[in-house]
Amino acid sequence: MGTLKLILGIAVMVAAVIVCATVIPPEMTYLSFQEDLKEVSVLGSNNYNKTDDDLRLAVLNKARAHDLAITPEQVTVQRIGTAGLAGVFVQVEYTVPVNLPGYSFELHFTPNSGNK
């Protein structure tokens, strides 16, 4: 009985390590990408010459740096504010497939950053 508990305990620990090794990297990429979106929104609100398409391209370049397959349709750029108080809101929706032994699912992420 003690050997069975030991084997079961080791199997649970190995499964936990596999799940963490598979799920944590996309989560860390999400956090880093969210910081990049903050940078894009700050630069967009400070530079009035940048169009929405310029900001969308900047977001796509940041996504490419993180190896995220994002299309321009997944990026929302919205200008906020009145004269003298401009801001930019940037949002991206994407999913990352996670394949575990015997089970697959998708993680859905919606990073956004608004500079108000």
PDB file of N, CA and C in Angstrom:
ATOM      1  N   MET A   1       0.813  -1.186   0.000  1.00  0.00           N
ATOM      2  CA  MET A   1       0.000   0.000   0.000  1.00  0.00           C
ATOM      3  C   MET A   1       0.861   1.257   0.000  1.00  0.00           C
ATOM      4  N   GLY A   2       1.966   1.237   0.757  1.00  0.00           N
ATOM      5  CA  GLY A   2       2.861   2.387   0.815  1.00  0.00           C
ATOM      6  C   GLY A   2       3.535   2.654  -0.517  1.00  0.00           C
ATOM      7  N   THR A   3       3.871   1.597  -1.251  1.00  0.00           N
ATOM      8  CA  THR A   3       4.506   1.752  -2.556  1.00  0.00           C
ATOM      9  C   THR A   3       3.529   2.368  -3.556  1.00  0.00           C
ATOM     10  N   LEU A   4       2.271   1.955  -3.473  1.00  0.00           N
ATOM     11  CA  LEU A   4       1.251   2.498  -4.367  1.00  0.00           C
ATOM     12  C   LEU A   4       1.056   3.997  -4.129  1.00  0.00           C
ATOM     13  N   LYS A   5       1.041   4.408  -2.878  1.00  0.00           N
ATOM     14  CA  LYS A   5       0.917   5.830  -2.550  1.00  0.00           C
ATOM     15  C   LYS A   5       2.116   6.620  -3.064  1.00  0.00           C
ATOM     16  N   LEU A   6       3.300   6.026  -2.935  1.00  0.00           N
ATOM     17  CA  LEU A   6       4.513   6.682  -3.416  1.00  0.00           C
ATOM     18  C   LEU A   6       4.463   6.856  -4.934  1.00  0.00           C
ATOM     19  N   ILE A   7       4.080   5.827  -5.650  1.00  0.00           N
ATOM     20  CA  ILE A   7       3.998   5.898  -7.110  1.00  0.00           C
ATOM     21  C   ILE A   7       2.929   6.906  -7.530  1.00  0.00           C
ATOM     22  N   LEU A   8       1.781   6.878  -6.864  1.00  0.00           N
ATOM     23  CA  LEU A   8       0.712   7.827  -7.168  1.00  0.00           C
ATOM     24  C   LEU A   8       1.161   9.264  -6.872  1.00  0.00           C
ATOM     25  N   GLY A   9       1.851   9.464  -5.781  1.00  0.00           N
ATOM     26  CA  GLY A   9       2.364  10.795  -5.438  1.00  0.00           C
ATOM     27  C   GLY A   9       3.354  11.303  -6.469  1.00  0.00           C
ATOM     28  N   ILE A  10       4.242  10.444  -6.907  1.00  0.00           N
ATOM     29  CA  ILE A  10       5.225  10.831  -7.924  1.00  0.00           C
ATOM     30  C   ILE A  10       4.516  11.145  -9.243  1.00  0.00           C
ATOM     31  N   ALA A  11       3.503  10.364  -9.602  1.00  0.00           N
ATOM     32  CA  ALA A  11       2.762  10.606 -10.843  1.00  0.00           C
ATOM     33  C   ALA A  11       2.042  11.952 -10.790  1.00  0.00           C
ATOM     34  N   VAL A  12       1.473  12.291  -9.642  1.00  0.00           N
ATOM     35  CA  VAL A  12       0.802  13.583  -9.494  1.00  0.00           C
ATOM     36  C   VAL A  12       1.805  14.722  -9.603  1.00  0.00           C
ATOM     37  N   MET A  13       2.965  14.575  -9.012  1.00  0.00           N
ATOM     38  CA  MET A  13       3.998  15.611  -9.091  1.00  0.00           C
ATOM     39  C   MET A  13       4.493  15.790 -10.527  1.00  0.00           C
ATOM     40  N   VAL A  14       4.698  14.699 -11.239  1.00  0.00           N
ATOM     41  CA  VAL A  14       5.143  14.774 -12.632  1.00  0.00           C
ATOM     42  C   VAL A  14       4.066  15.453 -13.482  1.00  0.00           C
ATOM     43  N   ALA A  15       2.795  15.106 -13.256  1.00  0.00           N
ATOM     44  CA  ALA A  15       1.704  15.735 -14.002  1.00  0.00           C
ATOM     45  C   ALA A  15       1.640  17.231 -13.718  1.00  0.00           C
ATOM     46  N   ALA A  16       1.837  17.612 -12.461  1.00  0.00           N
ATOM     47  CA  ALA A  16       1.825  19.037 -12.112  1.00  0.00           C
ATOM     48  C   ALA A  16       2.964  19.784 -12.792  1.00  0.00           C
ATOM     49  N   VAL A  17       4.121  19.190 -12.858  1.00  0.00           N
ATOM     50  CA  VAL A  17       5.268  19.824 -13.519  1.00  0.00           C
ATOM     51  C   VAL A  17       4.998  19.975 -15.011  1.00  0.00           C
ATOM     52  N   ILE A  18       4.411  18.964 -15.639  1.00  0.00           N
ATOM     53  CA  ILE A  18       4.104  19.033 -17.070  1.00  0.00           C
ATOM     54  C   ILE A  18       3.079  20.127 -17.345  1.00  0.00           C
ATOM     55  N   VAL A  19       2.032  20.206 -16.516  1.00  0.00           N
ATOM     56  CA  VAL A  19       1.011  21.241 -16.707  1.00  0.00           C
ATOM     57  C   VAL A  19       1.626  22.628 -16.532  1.00  0.00           C
ATOM     58  N   CYS A  20       2.431  22.808 -15.488  1.00  0.00           N
ATOM     59  CA  CYS A  20       3.066  24.119 -15.260  1.00  0.00           C
ATOM     60  C   CYS A  20       4.012  24.489 -16.398  1.00  0.00           C
ATOM     61  N   ALA A  21       4.778  23.540 -16.877  1.00  0.00           N
ATOM     62  CA  ALA A  21       5.721  23.817 -17.965  1.00  0.00           C
ATOM     63  C   ALA A  21       5.012  24.154 -19.260  1.00  0.00           C
ATOM     64  N   THR A  22       3.764  23.731 -19.401  1.00  0.00           N
ATOM     65  CA  THR A  22       3.002  24.001 -20.619  1.00  0.00           C
ATOM     66  C   THR A  22       2.188  25.283 -20.516  1.00  0.00           C
ATOM     67  N   VAL A  23       1.660  25.594 -19.340  1.00  0.00           N
ATOM     68  CA  VAL A  23       0.750  26.725 -19.172  1.00  0.00           C
ATOM     69  C   VAL A  23       1.477  28.021 -18.793  1.00  0.00           C
ATOM     70  N   ILE A  24       2.544  27.942 -18.048  1.00  0.00           N
ATOM     71  CA  ILE A  24       3.215  29.160 -17.565  1.00  0.00           C
ATOM     72  C   ILE A  24       3.849  29.983 -18.693  1.00  0.00           C
ATOM     73  N   PRO A  25       4.518  29.412 -19.693  1.00  0.00           N
ATOM     74  CA  PRO A  25       5.102  30.258 -20.746  1.00  0.00           C
ATOM     75  C   PRO A  25       4.104  31.160 -21.471  1.00  0.00           C
ATOM     76  N   PRO A  26       2.899  30.687 -21.872  1.00  0.00           N
ATOM     77  CA  PRO A  26       1.949  31.626 -22.479  1.00  0.00           C
ATOM     78  C   PRO A  26       1.493  32.718 -21.516  1.00  0.00           C
ATOM     79  N   GLU A  27       1.384  32.402 -20.243  1.00  0.00           N
ATOM     80  CA  GLU A  27       0.999  33.404 -19.250  1.00  0.00           C
ATOM     81  C   GLU A  27       2.079  34.480 -19.114  1.00  0.00           C
ATOM     82  N   MET A  28       3.324  34.075 -19.128  1.00  0.00           N
ATOM     83  CA  MET A  28       4.425  35.032 -19.026  1.00  0.00           C
ATOM     84  C   MET A  28       4.501  35.895 -20.292  1.00  0.00           C
ATOM     85  N   THR A  29       4.257  35.291 -21.447  1.00  0.00           N
ATOM     86  CA  THR A  29       4.221  36.047 -22.696  1.00  0.00           C
ATOM     87  C   THR A  29       3.106  37.080 -22.652  1.00  0.00           C
ATOM     88  N   TYR A  30       1.954  36.704 -22.114  1.00  0.00           N
ATOM     89  CA  TYR A  30       0.825  37.631 -21.971  1.00  0.00           C
ATOM     90  C   TYR A  30       1.220  38.842 -21.128  1.00  0.00           C
ATOM     91  N   LEU A  31       1.879  38.616 -20.002  1.00  0.00           N
ATOM     92  CA  LEU A  31       2.273  39.727 -19.131  1.00  0.00           C
ATOM     93  C   LEU A  31       3.275  40.653 -19.827  1.00  0.00           C
ATOM     94  N   SER A  32       4.228  40.076 -20.511  1.00  0.00           N
ATOM     95  CA  SER A  32       5.210  40.875 -21.229  1.00  0.00           C
ATOM     96  C   SER A  32       4.570  41.649 -22.375  1.00  0.00           C
ATOM     97  N   PHE A  33       3.647  41.013 -23.090  1.00  0.00           N
ATOM     98  CA  PHE A  33       2.954  41.662 -24.203  1.00  0.00           C
ATOM     99  C   PHE A  33       2.073  42.802 -23.694  1.00  0.00           C
ATOM    100  N   GLN A  34       1.480  42.628 -22.528  1.00  0.00           N
ATOM    101  CA  GLN A  34       0.654  43.690 -21.947  1.00  0.00           C
ATOM    102  C   GLN A  34       1.519  44.919 -21.655  1.00  0.00           C
ATOM    103  N   GLU A  35       2.735  44.721 -21.177  1.00  0.00           N
ATOM    104  CA  GLU A  35       3.642  45.850 -20.952  1.00  0.00           C
ATOM    105  C   GLU A  35       3.983  46.544 -22.268  1.00  0.00           C
ATOM    106  N   ASP A  36       4.153  45.761 -23.325  1.00  0.00           N
ATOM    107  CA  ASP A  36       4.420  46.349 -24.639  1.00  0.00           C
ATOM    108  C   ASP A  36       3.232  47.173 -25.126  1.00  0.00           C
ATOM    109  N   LEU A  37       2.010  46.722 -24.836  1.00  0.00           N
ATOM    110  CA  LEU A  37       0.832  47.483 -25.228  1.00  0.00           C
ATOM    111  C   LEU A  37       0.764  48.814 -24.487  1.00  0.00           C
ATOM    112  N   LYS A  38       1.190  48.829 -23.234  1.00  0.00           N
ATOM    113  CA  LYS A  38       1.247  50.096 -22.490  1.00  0.00           C
ATOM    114  C   LYS A  38       2.197  51.068 -23.177  1.00  0.00           C
ATOM    115  N   GLU A  39       3.328  50.548 -23.617  1.00  0.00           N
ATOM    116  CA  GLU A  39       4.316  51.380 -24.309  1.00  0.00           C
ATOM    117  C   GLU A  39       3.731  51.941 -25.610  1.00  0.00           C
ATOM    118  N   VAL A  40       3.055  51.105 -26.368  1.00  0.00           N
ATOM    119  CA  VAL A  40       2.458  51.546 -27.632  1.00  0.00           C
ATOM    120  C   VAL A  40       1.393  52.604 -27.374  1.00  0.00           C
ATOM    121  N   SER A  41       0.569  52.416 -26.352  1.00  0.00           N
ATOM    122  CA  SER A  41      -0.496  53.393 -26.086  1.00  0.00           C
ATOM    123  C   SER A  41       0.071  54.723 -25.604  1.00  0.00           C
ATOM    124  N   VAL A  42       1.137  54.695 -24.818  1.00  0.00           N
ATOM    125  CA  VAL A  42       1.766  55.944 -24.376  1.00  0.00           C
ATOM    126  C   VAL A  42       2.377  56.678 -25.562  1.00  0.00           C
ATOM    127  N   LEU A  43       3.102  55.950 -26.398  1.00  0.00           N
ATOM    128  CA  LEU A  43       3.707  56.579 -27.572  1.00  0.00           C
ATOM    129  C   LEU A  43       2.649  57.100 -28.532  1.00  0.00           C
ATOM    130  N   GLY A  44       1.541  56.372 -28.656  1.00  0.00           N
ATOM    131  CA  GLY A  44       0.471  56.805 -29.548  1.00  0.00           C
ATOM    132  C   GLY A  44      -0.235  58.046 -29.068  1.00  0.00           C
ATOM    133  N   SER A  45      -0.394  58.177 -27.759  1.00  0.00           N
ATOM    134  CA  SER A  45      -1.081  59.360 -27.242  1.00  0.00           C
ATOM    135  C   SER A  45      -0.176  60.578 -27.219  1.00  0.00           C
ATOM    136  N   ASN A  46       1.141  60.356 -27.162  1.00  0.00           N
ATOM    137  CA  ASN A  46       2.086  61.471 -27.158  1.00  0.00           C
ATOM    138  C   ASN A  46       2.447  61.949 -28.556  1.00  0.00           C
ATOM    139  N   ASN A  47       2.215  61.119 -29.564  1.00  0.00           N
ATOM    140  CA  ASN A  47       2.563  61.465 -30.937  1.00  0.00           C
ATOM    141  C   ASN A  47       1.285  61.552 -31.755  1.00  0.00           C
ATOM    142  N   TYR A  48       0.830  62.762 -32.022  1.00  0.00           N
ATOM    143  CA  TYR A  48      -0.424  62.964 -32.739  1.00  0.00           C
ATOM    144  C   TYR A  48      -0.327  62.608 -34.221  1.00  0.00           C
ATOM    145  N   ASN A  49       0.899  62.466 -34.737  1.00  0.00           N
ATOM    146  CA  ASN A  49       1.073  62.135 -36.148  1.00  0.00           C
ATOM    147  C   ASN A  49       0.831  60.652 -36.428  1.00  0.00           C
ATOM    148  N   LYS A  50       0.826  59.825 -35.393  1.00  0.00           N
ATOM    149  CA  LYS A  50       0.613  58.383 -35.579  1.00  0.00           C
ATOM    150  C   LYS A  50      -0.867  58.109 -35.808  1.00  0.00           C
ATOM    151  N   THR A  51      -1.143  57.387 -36.875  1.00  0.00           N
ATOM    152  CA  THR A  51      -2.521  57.005 -37.179  1.00  0.00           C
ATOM    153  C   THR A  51      -2.852  55.698 -36.460  1.00  0.00           C
ATOM    154  N   ASP A  52      -4.112  55.323 -36.513  1.00  0.00           N
ATOM    155  CA  ASP A  52      -4.522  54.049 -35.921  1.00  0.00           C
ATOM    156  C   ASP A  52      -3.814  52.883 -36.594  1.00  0.00           C
ATOM    157  N   ASP A  53      -3.615  52.983 -37.903  1.00  0.00           N
ATOM    158  CA  ASP A  53      -2.907  51.917 -38.623  1.00  0.00           C
ATOM    159  C   ASP A  53      -1.444  51.832 -38.196  1.00  0.00           C
ATOM    160  N   ASP A  54      -0.814  52.978 -37.915  1.00  0.00           N
ATOM    161  CA  ASP A  54       0.571  52.967 -37.418  1.00  0.00           C
ATOM    162  C   ASP A  54       0.646  52.266 -36.067  1.00  0.00           C
ATOM    163  N   LEU A  55      -0.313  52.561 -35.198  1.00  0.00           N
ATOM    164  CA  LEU A  55      -0.337  51.927 -33.882  1.00  0.00           C
ATOM    165  C   LEU A  55      -0.627  50.433 -34.002  1.00  0.00           C
ATOM    166  N   ARG A  56      -1.527  50.074 -34.908  1.00  0.00           N
ATOM    167  CA  ARG A  56      -1.839  48.660 -35.133  1.00  0.00           C
ATOM    168  C   ARG A  56      -0.602  47.924 -35.634  1.00  0.00           C
ATOM    169  N   LEU A  57       0.150  48.545 -36.528  1.00  0.00           N
ATOM    170  CA  LEU A  57       1.388  47.941 -37.026  1.00  0.00           C
ATOM    171  C   LEU A  57       2.414  47.785 -35.906  1.00  0.00           C
ATOM    172  N   ALA A  58       2.503  48.777 -35.013  1.00  0.00           N
ATOM    173  CA  ALA A  58       3.418  48.678 -33.874  1.00  0.00           C
ATOM    174  C   ALA A  58       3.029  47.509 -32.970  1.00  0.00           C
ATOM    175  N   VAL A  59       1.725  47.313 -32.756  1.00  0.00           N
ATOM    176  CA  VAL A  59       1.259  46.194 -31.940  1.00  0.00           C
ATOM    177  C   VAL A  59       1.594  44.869 -32.627  1.00  0.00           C
ATOM    178  N   LEU A  60       1.399  44.787 -33.927  1.00  0.00           N
ATOM    179  CA  LEU A  60       1.717  43.557 -34.658  1.00  0.00           C
ATOM    180  C   LEU A  60       3.208  43.246 -34.604  1.00  0.00           C
ATOM    181  N   ASN A  61       4.049  44.282 -34.651  1.00  0.00           N
ATOM    182  CA  ASN A  61       5.491  44.066 -34.528  1.00  0.00           C
ATOM    183  C   ASN A  61       5.855  43.561 -33.141  1.00  0.00           C
ATOM    184  N   LYS A  62       5.210  44.109 -32.104  1.00  0.00           N
ATOM    185  CA  LYS A  62       5.454  43.634 -30.731  1.00  0.00           C
ATOM    186  C   LYS A  62       4.988  42.182 -30.596  1.00  0.00           C
ATOM    187  N   ALA A  63       3.856  41.853 -31.210  1.00  0.00           N
ATOM    188  CA  ALA A  63       3.349  40.475 -31.158  1.00  0.00           C
ATOM    189  C   ALA A  63       4.305  39.522 -31.862  1.00  0.00           C
ATOM    190  N   ARG A  64       4.827  39.959 -32.992  1.00  0.00           N
ATOM    191  CA  ARG A  64       5.775  39.132 -33.738  1.00  0.00           C
ATOM    192  C   ARG A  64       7.028  38.876 -32.903  1.00  0.00           C
ATOM    193  N   ALA A  65       7.454  39.865 -32.119  1.00  0.00           N
ATOM    194  CA  ALA A  65       8.630  39.699 -31.256  1.00  0.00           C
ATOM    195  C   ALA A  65       8.377  38.651 -30.172  1.00  0.00           C
ATOM    196  N   HIS A  66       7.114  38.451 -29.812  1.00  0.00           N
ATOM    197  CA  HIS A  66       6.748  37.447 -28.804  1.00  0.00           C
ATOM    198  C   HIS A  66       6.287  36.135 -29.439  1.00  0.00           C
ATOM    199  N   ASP A  67       6.448  36.013 -30.746  1.00  0.00           N
ATOM    200  CA  ASP A  67       6.022  34.822 -31.502  1.00  0.00           C
ATOM    201  C   ASP A  67       4.525  34.553 -31.367  1.00  0.00           C
ATOM    202  N   LEU A  68       3.729  35.624 -31.377  1.00  0.00           N
ATOM    203  CA  LEU A  68       2.280  35.505 -31.341  1.00  0.00           C
ATOM    204  C   LEU A  68       1.739  35.714 -32.753  1.00  0.00           C
ATOM    205  N   ALA A  69       0.900  34.806 -33.185  1.00  0.00           N
ATOM    206  CA  ALA A  69       0.293  34.898 -34.517  1.00  0.00           C
ATOM    207  C   ALA A  69      -0.987  35.719 -34.403  1.00  0.00           C
ATOM    208  N   ILE A  70      -0.860  37.025 -34.591  1.00  0.00           N
ATOM    209  CA  ILE A  70      -1.987  37.938 -34.454  1.00  0.00           C
ATOM    210  C   ILE A  70      -2.210  38.636 -35.791  1.00  0.00           C
ATOM    211  N   THR A  71      -3.469  38.741 -36.173  1.00  0.00           N
ATOM    212  CA  THR A  71      -3.824  39.423 -37.400  1.00  0.00           C
ATOM    213  C   THR A  71      -4.284  40.847 -37.075  1.00  0.00           C
ATOM    214  N   PRO A  72      -4.276  41.743 -38.053  1.00  0.00           N
ATOM    215  CA  PRO A  72      -4.730  43.119 -37.793  1.00  0.00           C
ATOM    216  C   PRO A  72      -6.177  43.193 -37.305  1.00  0.00           C
ATOM    217  N   GLU A  73      -7.007  42.225 -37.670  1.00  0.00           N
ATOM    218  CA  GLU A  73      -8.399  42.225 -37.228  1.00  0.00           C
ATOM    219  C   GLU A  73      -8.539  41.957 -35.735  1.00  0.00           C
ATOM    220  N   GLN A  74      -7.531  41.386 -35.121  1.00  0.00           N
ATOM    221  CA  GLN A  74      -7.568  41.082 -33.694  1.00  0.00           C
ATOM    222  C   GLN A  74      -7.142  42.269 -32.830  1.00  0.00           C
ATOM    223  N   VAL A  75      -6.673  43.332 -33.457  1.00  0.00           N
ATOM    224  CA  VAL A  75      -6.162  44.497 -32.731  1.00  0.00           C
ATOM    225  C   VAL A  75      -7.196  45.617 -32.807  1.00  0.00           C
ATOM    226  N   THR A  76      -7.568  46.145 -31.641  1.00  0.00           N
ATOM    227  CA  THR A  76      -8.485  47.275 -31.555  1.00  0.00           C
ATOM    228  C   THR A  76      -7.708  48.491 -31.080  1.00  0.00           C
ATOM    229  N   VAL A  77      -7.793  49.572 -31.844  1.00  0.00           N
ATOM    230  CA  VAL A  77      -7.167  50.841 -31.468  1.00  0.00           C
ATOM    231  C   VAL A  77      -8.273  51.882 -31.408  1.00  0.00           C
ATOM    232  N   GLN A  78      -8.359  52.567 -30.282  1.00  0.00           N
ATOM    233  CA  GLN A  78      -9.398  53.569 -30.116  1.00  0.00           C
ATOM    234  C   GLN A  78      -8.793  54.811 -29.472  1.00  0.00           C
ATOM    235  N   ARG A  79      -9.093  55.937 -30.071  1.00  0.00           N
ATOM    236  CA  ARG A  79      -8.637  57.220 -29.515  1.00  0.00           C
ATOM    237  C   ARG A  79      -9.667  57.707 -28.503  1.00  0.00           C
ATOM    238  N   ILE A  80      -9.166  58.205 -27.379  1.00  0.00           N
ATOM    239  CA  ILE A  80     -10.026  58.647 -26.285  1.00  0.00           C
ATOM    240  C   ILE A  80      -9.650  60.067 -25.917  1.00  0.00           C
ATOM    241  N   GLY A  81     -10.614  60.849 -25.526  1.00  0.00           N
ATOM    242  CA  GLY A  81     -10.295  62.137 -24.937  1.00  0.00           C
ATOM    243  C   GLY A  81     -10.820  63.324 -25.701  1.00  0.00           C
ATOM    244  N   THR A  82     -10.529  64.455 -25.130  1.00  0.00           N
ATOM    245  CA  THR A  82     -10.906  65.734 -25.704  1.00  0.00           C
ATOM    246  C   THR A  82      -9.644  66.494 -26.049  1.00  0.00           C
ATOM    247  N   ALA A  83      -9.817  67.704 -26.534  1.00  0.00           N
ATOM    248  CA  ALA A  83      -8.660  68.517 -26.913  1.00  0.00           C
ATOM    249  C   ALA A  83      -7.761  68.735 -25.695  1.00  0.00           C
ATOM    250  N   GLY A  84      -6.500  68.423 -25.855  1.00  0.00           N
ATOM    251  CA  GLY A  84      -5.536  68.599 -24.773  1.00  0.00           C
ATOM    252  C   GLY A  84      -5.434  67.408 -23.834  1.00  0.00           C
ATOM    253  N   LEU A  85      -6.386  66.496 -23.873  1.00  0.00           N
ATOM    254  CA  LEU A  85      -6.372  65.317 -23.009  1.00  0.00           C
ATOM    255  C   LEU A  85      -6.543  64.051 -23.846  1.00  0.00           C
ATOM    256  N   ALA A  86      -5.648  63.857 -24.779  1.00  0.00           N
ATOM    257  CA  ALA A  86      -5.764  62.723 -25.697  1.00  0.00           C
ATOM    258  C   ALA A  86      -5.267  61.451 -25.025  1.00  0.00           C
ATOM    259  N   GLY A  87      -5.811  60.340 -25.436  1.00  0.00           N
ATOM    260  CA  GLY A  87      -5.396  59.037 -24.959  1.00  0.00           C
ATOM    261  C   GLY A  87      -5.635  57.997 -26.032  1.00  0.00           C
ATOM    262  N   VAL A  88      -5.011  56.866 -25.872  1.00  0.00           N
ATOM    263  CA  VAL A  88      -5.156  55.774 -26.826  1.00  0.00           C
ATOM    264  C   VAL A  88      -5.435  54.496 -26.046  1.00  0.00           C
ATOM    265  N   PHE A  89      -6.438  53.755 -26.495  1.00  0.00           N
ATOM    266  CA  PHE A  89      -6.777  52.458 -25.931  1.00  0.00           C
ATOM    267  C   PHE A  89      -6.423  51.400 -26.956  1.00  0.00           C
ATOM    268  N   VAL A  90      -5.649  50.406 -26.551  1.00  0.00           N
ATOM    269  CA  VAL A  90      -5.231  49.326 -27.448  1.00  0.00           C
ATOM    270  C   VAL A  90      -5.638  48.007 -26.795  1.00  0.00           C
ATOM    271  N   GLN A  91      -6.273  47.147 -27.583  1.00  0.00           N
ATOM    272  CA  GLN A  91      -6.683  45.832 -27.082  1.00  0.00           C
ATOM    273  C   GLN A  91      -6.434  44.783 -28.143  1.00  0.00           C
ATOM    274  N   VAL A  92      -6.020  43.617 -27.710  1.00  0.00           N
ATOM    275  CA  VAL A  92      -5.766  42.496 -28.612  1.00  0.00           C
ATOM    276  C   VAL A  92      -6.458  41.267 -28.032  1.00  0.00           C
ATOM    277  N   GLU A  93      -7.097  40.489 -28.887  1.00  0.00           N
ATOM    278  CA  GLU A  93      -7.687  39.223 -28.461  1.00  0.00           C
ATOM    279  C   GLU A  93      -6.996  38.102 -29.224  1.00  0.00           C
ATOM    280  N   TYR A  94      -6.499  37.115 -28.468  1.00  0.00           N
ATOM    281  CA  TYR A  94      -5.869  35.969 -29.116  1.00  0.00           C
ATOM    282  C   TYR A  94      -5.985  34.743 -28.224  1.00  0.00           C
ATOM    283  N   THR A  95      -5.802  33.589 -28.832  1.00  0.00           N
ATOM    284  CA  THR A  95      -5.824  32.325 -28.104  1.00  0.00           C
ATOM    285  C   THR A  95      -4.523  31.582 -28.354  1.00  0.00           C
ATOM    286  N   VAL A  96      -4.153  30.775 -27.377  1.00  0.00           N
ATOM    287  CA  VAL A  96      -2.957  29.946 -27.488  1.00  0.00           C
ATOM    288  C   VAL A  96      -3.379  28.501 -27.227  1.00  0.00           C
ATOM    289  N   PRO A  97      -3.150  27.606 -28.177  1.00  0.00           N
ATOM    290  CA  PRO A  97      -3.501  26.207 -27.940  1.00  0.00           C
ATOM    291  C   PRO A  97      -2.525  25.563 -26.958  1.00  0.00           C
ATOM    292  N   VAL A  98      -3.060  24.785 -26.040  1.00  0.00           N
ATOM    293  CA  VAL A  98      -2.252  24.055 -25.063  1.00  0.00           C
ATOM    294  C   VAL A  98      -2.536  22.572 -25.265  1.00  0.00           C
ATOM    295  N   ASN A  99      -1.484  21.825 -25.525  1.00  0.00           N
ATOM    296  CA  ASN A  99      -1.622  20.387 -25.773  1.00  0.00           C
ATOM    297  C   ASN A  99      -0.928  19.620 -24.662  1.00  0.00           C
ATOM    298  N   LEU A 100      -1.736  19.017 -23.811  1.00  0.00           N
ATOM    299  CA  LEU A 100      -1.231  18.150 -22.758  1.00  0.00           C
ATOM    300  C   LEU A 100      -1.434  16.710 -23.202  1.00  0.00           C
ATOM    301  N   PRO A 101      -0.694  15.775 -22.620  1.00  0.00           N
ATOM    302  CA  PRO A 101      -0.921  14.378 -22.984  1.00  0.00           C
ATOM    303  C   PRO A 101      -2.367  13.959 -22.674  1.00  0.00           C
ATOM    304  N   GLY A 102      -3.117  13.662 -23.712  1.00  0.00           N
ATOM    305  CA  GLY A 102      -4.486  13.209 -23.544  1.00  0.00           C
ATOM    306  C   GLY A 102      -5.521  14.308 -23.413  1.00  0.00           C
ATOM    307  N   TYR A 103      -5.111  15.578 -23.434  1.00  0.00           N
ATOM    308  CA  TYR A 103      -6.081  16.663 -23.266  1.00  0.00           C
ATOM    309  C   TYR A 103      -5.542  17.927 -23.925  1.00  0.00           C
ATOM    310  N   SER A 104      -6.381  18.602 -24.685  1.00  0.00           N
ATOM    311  CA  SER A 104      -6.007  19.851 -25.342  1.00  0.00           C
ATOM    312  C   SER A 104      -7.066  20.903 -25.053  1.00  0.00           C
ATOM    313  N   PHE A 105      -6.614  22.154 -24.925  1.00  0.00           N
ATOM    314  CA  PHE A 105      -7.532  23.268 -24.718  1.00  0.00           C
ATOM    315  C   PHE A 105      -6.861  24.540 -25.192  1.00  0.00           C
ATOM    316  N   GLU A 106      -7.614  25.631 -25.179  1.00  0.00           N
ATOM    317  CA  GLU A 106      -7.081  26.918 -25.604  1.00  0.00           C
ATOM    318  C   GLU A 106      -7.143  27.905 -24.449  1.00  0.00           C
ATOM    319  N   LEU A 107      -6.086  28.673 -24.299  1.00  0.00           N
ATOM    320  CA  LEU A 107      -6.071  29.775 -23.347  1.00  0.00           C
ATOM    321  C   LEU A 107      -6.453  31.038 -24.106  1.00  0.00           C
ATOM    322  N   HIS A 108      -7.428  31.759 -23.616  1.00  0.00           N
ATOM    323  CA  HIS A 108      -7.898  32.977 -24.265  1.00  0.00           C
ATOM    324  C   HIS A 108      -7.327  34.182 -23.515  1.00  0.00           C
ATOM    325  N   PHE A 109      -6.673  35.075 -24.259  1.00  0.00           N
ATOM    326  CA  PHE A 109      -6.065  36.261 -23.659  1.00  0.00           C
ATOM    327  C   PHE A 109      -6.651  37.517 -24.296  1.00  0.00           C
ATOM    328  N   THR A 110      -6.838  38.559 -23.491  1.00  0.00           N
ATOM    329  CA  THR A 110      -7.309  39.855 -23.966  1.00  0.00           C
ATOM    330  C   THR A 110      -6.481  40.949 -23.299  1.00  0.00           C
ATOM    331  N   PRO A 111      -5.191  41.083 -23.692  1.00  0.00           N
ATOM    332  CA  PRO A 111      -4.410  42.170 -23.103  1.00  0.00           C
ATOM    333  C   PRO A 111      -4.880  43.526 -23.643  1.00  0.00           C
ATOM    334  N   ASN A 112      -4.856  44.502 -22.799  1.00  0.00           N
ATOM    335  CA  ASN A 112      -5.233  45.848 -23.237  1.00  0.00           C
ATOM    336  C   ASN A 112      -4.478  46.869 -22.421  1.00  0.00           C
ATOM    337  N   SER A 113      -4.404  48.037 -22.964  1.00  0.00           N
ATOM    338  CA  SER A 113      -3.738  49.119 -22.262  1.00  0.00           C
ATOM    339  C   SER A 113      -4.316  50.431 -22.752  1.00  0.00           C
ATOM    340  N   GLY A 114      -4.803  51.195 -21.853  1.00  0.00           N
ATOM    341  CA  GLY A 114      -5.313  52.506 -22.217  1.00  0.00           C
ATOM    342  C   GLY A 114      -4.490  53.578 -21.531  1.00  0.00           C
ATOM    343  N   ASN A 115      -4.041  54.539 -22.280  1.00  0.00           N
ATOM    344  CA  ASN A 115      -3.313  55.649 -21.721  1.00  0.00           C
ATOM    345  C   ASN A 115      -4.248  56.835 -21.700  1.00  0.00           C
ATOM    346  N   LYS A 116      -4.728  57.197 -20.539  1.00  0.00           N
ATOM    347  CA  LYS A 116      -5.703  58.265 -20.421  1.00  0.00           C
ATOM    348  C   LYS A 116      -5.059  59.489 -19.799  1.00  0.00           C
TER     349      LYS A 116
END
